[in-house]
Amino acid sequence: MQNKNINLIRYLILKNCYQTKEGHVGSAFSILEILYIIFKKYIKKNFFILSKGHASIGMYAVMYFFKYINKKNFLFVL
């Protein structure tokens, strides 16, 4: 199940980068599994600061997947 969710988030990243013609796909993919676990298990009562700026689209995709932001905010985040 987790691989299916990760692949869905990868698709969201690619789709967003294609539509906005911006973003760093490689950086986002490299941190995706870590972000998925952090947002799945730890983010409800904590906060998270991402210092890998080029991977921010990955964080926004994970936030969209877990319903922290809506589609409108996700597609225009860059």
PDB file of N, CA and C in Angstrom:
ATOM      1  N   MET A   1       0.818  -1.205   0.000  1.00  0.00           N
ATOM      2  CA  MET A   1       0.000   0.000   0.000  1.00  0.00           C
ATOM      3  C   MET A   1       0.854   1.258   0.000  1.00  0.00           C
ATOM      4  N   GLN A   2       1.933   1.237   0.742  1.00  0.00           N
ATOM      5  CA  GLN A   2       2.780   2.414   0.830  1.00  0.00           C
ATOM      6  C   GLN A   2       3.409   2.740  -0.524  1.00  0.00           C
ATOM      7  N   ASN A   3       3.856   1.724  -1.274  1.00  0.00           N
ATOM      8  CA  ASN A   3       4.441   1.983  -2.580  1.00  0.00           C
ATOM      9  C   ASN A   3       3.433   2.593  -3.538  1.00  0.00           C
ATOM     10  N   LYS A   4       2.182   2.172  -3.433  1.00  0.00           N
ATOM     11  CA  LYS A   4       1.132   2.737  -4.280  1.00  0.00           C
ATOM     12  C   LYS A   4       0.953   4.223  -3.970  1.00  0.00           C
ATOM     13  N   ASN A   5       0.968   4.576  -2.699  1.00  0.00           N
ATOM     14  CA  ASN A   5       0.834   5.983  -2.303  1.00  0.00           C
ATOM     15  C   ASN A   5       2.043   6.801  -2.747  1.00  0.00           C
ATOM     16  N   ILE A   6       3.226   6.255  -2.596  1.00  0.00           N
ATOM     17  CA  ILE A   6       4.447   6.961  -3.022  1.00  0.00           C
ATOM     18  C   ILE A   6       4.408   7.196  -4.524  1.00  0.00           C
ATOM     19  N   ASN A   7       3.984   6.186  -5.281  1.00  0.00           N
ATOM     20  CA  ASN A   7       3.891   6.352  -6.735  1.00  0.00           C
ATOM     21  C   ASN A   7       2.849   7.394  -7.122  1.00  0.00           C
ATOM     22  N   LEU A   8       1.756   7.462  -6.377  1.00  0.00           N
ATOM     23  CA  LEU A   8       0.742   8.491  -6.628  1.00  0.00           C
ATOM     24  C   LEU A   8       1.323   9.880  -6.365  1.00  0.00           C
ATOM     25  N   ILE A   9       2.086  10.023  -5.315  1.00  0.00           N
ATOM     26  CA  ILE A   9       2.701  11.313  -5.002  1.00  0.00           C
ATOM     27  C   ILE A   9       3.732  11.673  -6.061  1.00  0.00           C
ATOM     28  N   ARG A  10       4.482  10.695  -6.551  1.00  0.00           N
ATOM     29  CA  ARG A  10       5.423  10.954  -7.654  1.00  0.00           C
ATOM     30  C   ARG A  10       4.677  11.482  -8.880  1.00  0.00           C
ATOM     31  N   TYR A  11       3.539  10.881  -9.163  1.00  0.00           N
ATOM     32  CA  TYR A  11       2.720  11.349 -10.276  1.00  0.00           C
ATOM     33  C   TYR A  11       2.271  12.793 -10.059  1.00  0.00           C
ATOM     34  N   LEU A  12       1.859  13.122  -8.836  1.00  0.00           N
ATOM     35  CA  LEU A  12       1.442  14.490  -8.532  1.00  0.00           C
ATOM     36  C   LEU A  12       2.586  15.476  -8.746  1.00  0.00           C
ATOM     37  N   ILE A  13       3.790  15.079  -8.353  1.00  0.00           N
ATOM     38  CA  ILE A  13       4.963  15.940  -8.537  1.00  0.00           C
ATOM     39  C   ILE A  13       5.216  16.169 -10.020  1.00  0.00           C
ATOM     40  N   LEU A  14       5.230  15.091 -10.800  1.00  0.00           N
ATOM     41  CA  LEU A  14       5.466  15.225 -12.243  1.00  0.00           C
ATOM     42  C   LEU A  14       4.395  16.069 -12.914  1.00  0.00           C
ATOM     43  N   LYS A  15       3.154  15.840 -12.536  1.00  0.00           N
ATOM     44  CA  LYS A  15       2.041  16.589 -13.126  1.00  0.00           C
ATOM     45  C   LYS A  15       2.155  18.078 -12.804  1.00  0.00           C
ATOM     46  N   ASN A  16       2.472  18.386 -11.557  1.00  0.00           N
ATOM     47  CA  ASN A  16       2.594  19.785 -11.147  1.00  0.00           C
ATOM     48  C   ASN A  16       3.761  20.448 -11.870  1.00  0.00           C
ATOM     49  N   CYS A  17       4.895  19.771 -11.932  1.00  0.00           N
ATOM     50  CA  CYS A  17       6.063  20.351 -12.614  1.00  0.00           C
ATOM     51  C   CYS A  17       5.788  20.557 -14.102  1.00  0.00           C
ATOM     52  N   TYR A  18       5.065  19.634 -14.711  1.00  0.00           N
ATOM     53  CA  TYR A  18       4.731  19.772 -16.127  1.00  0.00           C
ATOM     54  C   TYR A  18       3.779  20.942 -16.349  1.00  0.00           C
ATOM     55  N   GLN A  19       2.760  21.055 -15.503  1.00  0.00           N
ATOM     56  CA  GLN A  19       1.765  22.115 -15.678  1.00  0.00           C
ATOM     57  C   GLN A  19       2.342  23.499 -15.404  1.00  0.00           C
ATOM     58  N   THR A  20       3.195  23.611 -14.398  1.00  0.00           N
ATOM     59  CA  THR A  20       3.748  24.916 -14.054  1.00  0.00           C
ATOM     60  C   THR A  20       5.036  25.219 -14.796  1.00  0.00           C
ATOM     61  N   LYS A  21       5.613  24.192 -15.445  1.00  0.00           N
ATOM     62  CA  LYS A  21       6.887  24.308 -16.168  1.00  0.00           C
ATOM     63  C   LYS A  21       8.012  24.790 -15.247  1.00  0.00           C
ATOM     64  N   GLU A  22       7.928  24.380 -13.990  1.00  0.00           N
ATOM     65  CA  GLU A  22       8.940  24.702 -12.988  1.00  0.00           C
ATOM     66  C   GLU A  22       9.085  23.522 -12.043  1.00  0.00           C
ATOM     67  N   GLY A  23      10.132  23.541 -11.261  1.00  0.00           N
ATOM     68  CA  GLY A  23      10.313  22.528 -10.228  1.00  0.00           C
ATOM     69  C   GLY A  23      11.531  21.659 -10.484  1.00  0.00           C
ATOM     70  N   HIS A  24      11.993  21.035  -9.446  1.00  0.00           N
ATOM     71  CA  HIS A  24      13.152  20.150  -9.493  1.00  0.00           C
ATOM     72  C   HIS A  24      12.693  18.744  -9.113  1.00  0.00           C
ATOM     73  N   VAL A  25      12.389  17.957 -10.120  1.00  0.00           N
ATOM     74  CA  VAL A  25      11.813  16.631  -9.907  1.00  0.00           C
ATOM     75  C   VAL A  25      12.787  15.724  -9.160  1.00  0.00           C
ATOM     76  N   GLY A  26      14.047  15.723  -9.534  1.00  0.00           N
ATOM     77  CA  GLY A  26      15.030  14.851  -8.894  1.00  0.00           C
ATOM     78  C   GLY A  26      15.164  15.109  -7.406  1.00  0.00           C
ATOM     79  N   SER A  27      15.209  16.361  -7.023  1.00  0.00           N
ATOM     80  CA  SER A  27      15.301  16.706  -5.602  1.00  0.00           C
ATOM     81  C   SER A  27      14.050  16.281  -4.843  1.00  0.00           C
ATOM     82  N   ALA A  28      12.910  16.467  -5.453  1.00  0.00           N
ATOM     83  CA  ALA A  28      11.651  16.088  -4.804  1.00  0.00           C
ATOM     84  C   ALA A  28      11.554  14.575  -4.640  1.00  0.00           C
ATOM     85  N   PHE A  29      11.957  13.838  -5.670  1.00  0.00           N
ATOM     86  CA  PHE A  29      11.916  12.376  -5.584  1.00  0.00           C
ATOM     87  C   PHE A  29      12.901  11.843  -4.554  1.00  0.00           C
ATOM     88  N   SER A  30      14.037  12.512  -4.383  1.00  0.00           N
ATOM     89  CA  SER A  30      15.064  12.000  -3.480  1.00  0.00           C
ATOM     90  C   SER A  30      14.649  12.067  -2.012  1.00  0.00           C
ATOM     91  N   ILE A  31      13.713  12.926  -1.673  1.00  0.00           N
ATOM     92  CA  ILE A  31      13.308  13.093  -0.276  1.00  0.00           C
ATOM     93  C   ILE A  31      11.882  12.593  -0.022  1.00  0.00           C
ATOM     94  N   LEU A  32      11.249  12.057  -1.029  1.00  0.00           N
ATOM     95  CA  LEU A  32       9.831  11.723  -0.960  1.00  0.00           C
ATOM     96  C   LEU A  32       9.494  10.691   0.109  1.00  0.00           C
ATOM     97  N   GLU A  33      10.242   9.610   0.198  1.00  0.00           N
ATOM     98  CA  GLU A  33       9.930   8.560   1.180  1.00  0.00           C
ATOM     99  C   GLU A  33      10.071   9.086   2.604  1.00  0.00           C
ATOM    100  N   ILE A  34      11.071   9.908   2.836  1.00  0.00           N
ATOM    101  CA  ILE A  34      11.274  10.496   4.170  1.00  0.00           C
ATOM    102  C   ILE A  34      10.105  11.400   4.529  1.00  0.00           C
ATOM    103  N   LEU A  35       9.704  12.260   3.600  1.00  0.00           N
ATOM    104  CA  LEU A  35       8.577  13.151   3.856  1.00  0.00           C
ATOM    105  C   LEU A  35       7.298  12.378   4.096  1.00  0.00           C
ATOM    106  N   TYR A  36       7.095  11.317   3.341  1.00  0.00           N
ATOM    107  CA  TYR A  36       5.883  10.509   3.504  1.00  0.00           C
ATOM    108  C   TYR A  36       5.795   9.953   4.925  1.00  0.00           C
ATOM    109  N   ILE A  37       6.878   9.400   5.430  1.00  0.00           N
ATOM    110  CA  ILE A  37       6.885   8.832   6.783  1.00  0.00           C
ATOM    111  C   ILE A  37       6.706   9.925   7.831  1.00  0.00           C
ATOM    112  N   ILE A  38       7.386  11.048   7.660  1.00  0.00           N
ATOM    113  CA  ILE A  38       7.263  12.150   8.619  1.00  0.00           C
ATOM    114  C   ILE A  38       5.826  12.647   8.692  1.00  0.00           C
ATOM    115  N   PHE A  39       5.204  12.878   7.539  1.00  0.00           N
ATOM    116  CA  PHE A  39       3.838  13.397   7.548  1.00  0.00           C
ATOM    117  C   PHE A  39       2.835  12.339   7.982  1.00  0.00           C
ATOM    118  N   LYS A  40       3.110  11.083   7.722  1.00  0.00           N
ATOM    119  CA  LYS A  40       2.187  10.021   8.103  1.00  0.00           C
ATOM    120  C   LYS A  40       2.195   9.768   9.606  1.00  0.00           C
ATOM    121  N   LYS A  41       3.377   9.822  10.223  1.00  0.00           N
ATOM    122  CA  LYS A  41       3.484   9.403  11.621  1.00  0.00           C
ATOM    123  C   LYS A  41       3.687  10.530  12.620  1.00  0.00           C
ATOM    124  N   TYR A  42       4.348  11.611  12.233  1.00  0.00           N
ATOM    125  CA  TYR A  42       4.824  12.556  13.232  1.00  0.00           C
ATOM    126  C   TYR A  42       4.279  13.972  13.125  1.00  0.00           C
ATOM    127  N   ILE A  43       3.694  14.359  12.051  1.00  0.00           N
ATOM    128  CA  ILE A  43       3.400  15.778  11.829  1.00  0.00           C
ATOM    129  C   ILE A  43       2.151  16.265  12.564  1.00  0.00           C
ATOM    130  N   LYS A  44       1.285  15.387  13.010  1.00  0.00           N
ATOM    131  CA  LYS A  44       0.023  15.822  13.621  1.00  0.00           C
ATOM    132  C   LYS A  44       0.216  16.699  14.860  1.00  0.00           C
ATOM    133  N   LYS A  45       1.203  16.404  15.681  1.00  0.00           N
ATOM    134  CA  LYS A  45       1.419  17.179  16.900  1.00  0.00           C
ATOM    135  C   LYS A  45       2.748  17.928  16.878  1.00  0.00           C
ATOM    136  N   ASN A  46       3.430  17.901  15.772  1.00  0.00           N
ATOM    137  CA  ASN A  46       4.733  18.546  15.646  1.00  0.00           C
ATOM    138  C   ASN A  46       4.740  19.458  14.439  1.00  0.00           C
ATOM    139  N   PHE A  47       5.870  20.068  14.171  1.00  0.00           N
ATOM    140  CA  PHE A  47       6.024  20.861  12.963  1.00  0.00           C
ATOM    141  C   PHE A  47       7.278  20.401  12.247  1.00  0.00           C
ATOM    142  N   PHE A  48       7.418  20.817  11.000  1.00  0.00           N
ATOM    143  CA  PHE A  48       8.520  20.354  10.174  1.00  0.00           C
ATOM    144  C   PHE A  48       9.043  21.518   9.352  1.00  0.00           C
ATOM    145  N   ILE A  49      10.352  21.672   9.314  1.00  0.00           N
ATOM    146  CA  ILE A  49      10.991  22.700   8.502  1.00  0.00           C
ATOM    147  C   ILE A  49      11.855  21.998   7.473  1.00  0.00           C
ATOM    148  N   LEU A  50      11.594  22.250   6.216  1.00  0.00           N
ATOM    149  CA  LEU A  50      12.375  21.660   5.130  1.00  0.00           C
ATOM    150  C   LEU A  50      13.443  22.654   4.709  1.00  0.00           C
ATOM    151  N   SER A  51      14.704  22.251   4.823  1.00  0.00           N
ATOM    152  CA  SER A  51      15.785  23.156   4.440  1.00  0.00           C
ATOM    153  C   SER A  51      16.384  22.798   3.083  1.00  0.00           C
ATOM    154  N   LYS A  52      15.784  21.868   2.390  1.00  0.00           N
ATOM    155  CA  LYS A  52      16.222  21.483   1.046  1.00  0.00           C
ATOM    156  C   LYS A  52      15.268  22.154   0.063  1.00  0.00           C
ATOM    157  N   GLY A  53      15.537  23.393  -0.243  1.00  0.00           N
ATOM    158  CA  GLY A  53      14.609  24.239  -0.984  1.00  0.00           C
ATOM    159  C   GLY A  53      14.159  23.708  -2.325  1.00  0.00           C
ATOM    160  N   HIS A  54      15.057  23.050  -3.069  1.00  0.00           N
ATOM    161  CA  HIS A  54      14.680  22.542  -4.384  1.00  0.00           C
ATOM    162  C   HIS A  54      13.731  21.354  -4.291  1.00  0.00           C
ATOM    163  N   ALA A  55      13.570  20.785  -3.107  1.00  0.00           N
ATOM    164  CA  ALA A  55      12.670  19.641  -2.925  1.00  0.00           C
ATOM    165  C   ALA A  55      11.314  20.071  -2.388  1.00  0.00           C
ATOM    166  N   SER A  56      11.048  21.354  -2.356  1.00  0.00           N
ATOM    167  CA  SER A  56       9.796  21.837  -1.755  1.00  0.00           C
ATOM    168  C   SER A  56       8.567  21.302  -2.471  1.00  0.00           C
ATOM    169  N   ILE A  57       8.647  21.083  -3.774  1.00  0.00           N
ATOM    170  CA  ILE A  57       7.492  20.541  -4.484  1.00  0.00           C
ATOM    171  C   ILE A  57       7.135  19.158  -3.949  1.00  0.00           C
ATOM    172  N   GLY A  58       8.115  18.406  -3.477  1.00  0.00           N
ATOM    173  CA  GLY A  58       7.854  17.110  -2.859  1.00  0.00           C
ATOM    174  C   GLY A  58       7.081  17.264  -1.563  1.00  0.00           C
ATOM    175  N   MET A  59       7.463  18.262  -0.776  1.00  0.00           N
ATOM    176  CA  MET A  59       6.753  18.498   0.471  1.00  0.00           C
ATOM    177  C   MET A  59       5.317  18.936   0.205  1.00  0.00           C
ATOM    178  N   TYR A  60       5.122  19.788  -0.775  1.00  0.00           N
ATOM    179  CA  TYR A  60       3.768  20.230  -1.095  1.00  0.00           C
ATOM    180  C   TYR A  60       2.913  19.078  -1.628  1.00  0.00           C
ATOM    181  N   ALA A  61       3.513  18.172  -2.389  1.00  0.00           N
ATOM    182  CA  ALA A  61       2.766  17.015  -2.890  1.00  0.00           C
ATOM    183  C   ALA A  61       2.341  16.114  -1.740  1.00  0.00           C
ATOM    184  N   VAL A  62       3.226  15.912  -0.776  1.00  0.00           N
ATOM    185  CA  VAL A  62       2.883  15.094   0.385  1.00  0.00           C
ATOM    186  C   VAL A  62       1.812  15.794   1.221  1.00  0.00           C
ATOM    187  N   MET A  63       1.939  17.103   1.365  1.00  0.00           N
ATOM    188  CA  MET A  63       0.925  17.856   2.103  1.00  0.00           C
ATOM    189  C   MET A  63      -0.436  17.755   1.405  1.00  0.00           C
ATOM    190  N   TYR A  64      -0.442  17.827   0.099  1.00  0.00           N
ATOM    191  CA  TYR A  64      -1.690  17.679  -0.652  1.00  0.00           C
ATOM    192  C   TYR A  64      -2.256  16.262  -0.480  1.00  0.00           C
ATOM    193  N   PHE A  65      -1.390  15.260  -0.525  1.00  0.00           N
ATOM    194  CA  PHE A  65      -1.828  13.877  -0.373  1.00  0.00           C
ATOM    195  C   PHE A  65      -2.488  13.647   0.986  1.00  0.00           C
ATOM    196  N   PHE A  66      -1.933  14.235   2.041  1.00  0.00           N
ATOM    197  CA  PHE A  66      -2.490  14.068   3.387  1.00  0.00           C
ATOM    198  C   PHE A  66      -3.515  15.141   3.744  1.00  0.00           C
ATOM    199  N   LYS A  67      -3.950  15.928   2.756  1.00  0.00           N
ATOM    200  CA  LYS A  67      -5.037  16.913   2.898  1.00  0.00           C
ATOM    201  C   LYS A  67      -4.685  18.105   3.799  1.00  0.00           C
ATOM    202  N   TYR A  68      -3.417  18.492   3.829  1.00  0.00           N
ATOM    203  CA  TYR A  68      -3.036  19.702   4.560  1.00  0.00           C
ATOM    204  C   TYR A  68      -3.226  20.953   3.701  1.00  0.00           C
ATOM    205  N   ILE A  69      -3.180  20.785   2.387  1.00  0.00           N
ATOM    206  CA  ILE A  69      -3.471  21.884   1.465  1.00  0.00           C
ATOM    207  C   ILE A  69      -4.423  21.354   0.402  1.00  0.00           C
ATOM    208  N   ASN A  70      -5.137  22.270  -0.265  1.00  0.00           N
ATOM    209  CA  ASN A  70      -6.080  21.833  -1.289  1.00  0.00           C
ATOM    210  C   ASN A  70      -5.429  21.878  -2.676  1.00  0.00           C
ATOM    211  N   LYS A  71      -6.154  21.407  -3.677  1.00  0.00           N
ATOM    212  CA  LYS A  71      -5.618  21.289  -5.032  1.00  0.00           C
ATOM    213  C   LYS A  71      -5.229  22.643  -5.610  1.00  0.00           C
ATOM    214  N   LYS A  72      -6.015  23.657  -5.350  1.00  0.00           N
ATOM    215  CA  LYS A  72      -5.724  24.988  -5.878  1.00  0.00           C
ATOM    216  C   LYS A  72      -4.384  25.487  -5.349  1.00  0.00           C
ATOM    217  N   ASN A  73      -4.145  25.321  -4.071  1.00  0.00           N
ATOM    218  CA  ASN A  73      -2.877  25.758  -3.495  1.00  0.00           C
ATOM    219  C   ASN A  73      -1.720  24.910  -3.984  1.00  0.00           C
ATOM    220  N   PHE A  74      -1.937  23.629  -4.193  1.00  0.00           N
ATOM    221  CA  PHE A  74      -0.870  22.748  -4.639  1.00  0.00           C
ATOM    222  C   PHE A  74      -0.449  23.070  -6.067  1.00  0.00           C
ATOM    223  N   LEU A  75      -1.394  23.306  -6.958  1.00  0.00           N
ATOM    224  CA  LEU A  75      -1.049  23.537  -8.359  1.00  0.00           C
ATOM    225  C   LEU A  75      -0.378  24.884  -8.575  1.00  0.00           C
ATOM    226  N   PHE A  76      -0.577  25.830  -7.696  1.00  0.00           N
ATOM    227  CA  PHE A  76       0.003  27.148  -7.878  1.00  0.00           C
ATOM    228  C   PHE A  76       1.043  27.482  -6.819  1.00  0.00           C
ATOM    229  N   VAL A  77       1.648  26.450  -6.251  1.00  0.00           N
ATOM    230  CA  VAL A  77       2.577  26.650  -5.155  1.00  0.00           C
ATOM    231  C   VAL A  77       3.911  27.223  -5.635  1.00  0.00           C
ATOM    232  N   LEU A  78       4.270  26.989  -6.867  1.00  0.00           N
ATOM    233  CA  LEU A  78       5.536  27.513  -7.369  1.00  0.00           C
ATOM    234  C   LEU A  78       5.301  28.879  -7.932  1.00  0.00           C
TER     235      LEU A  78
END
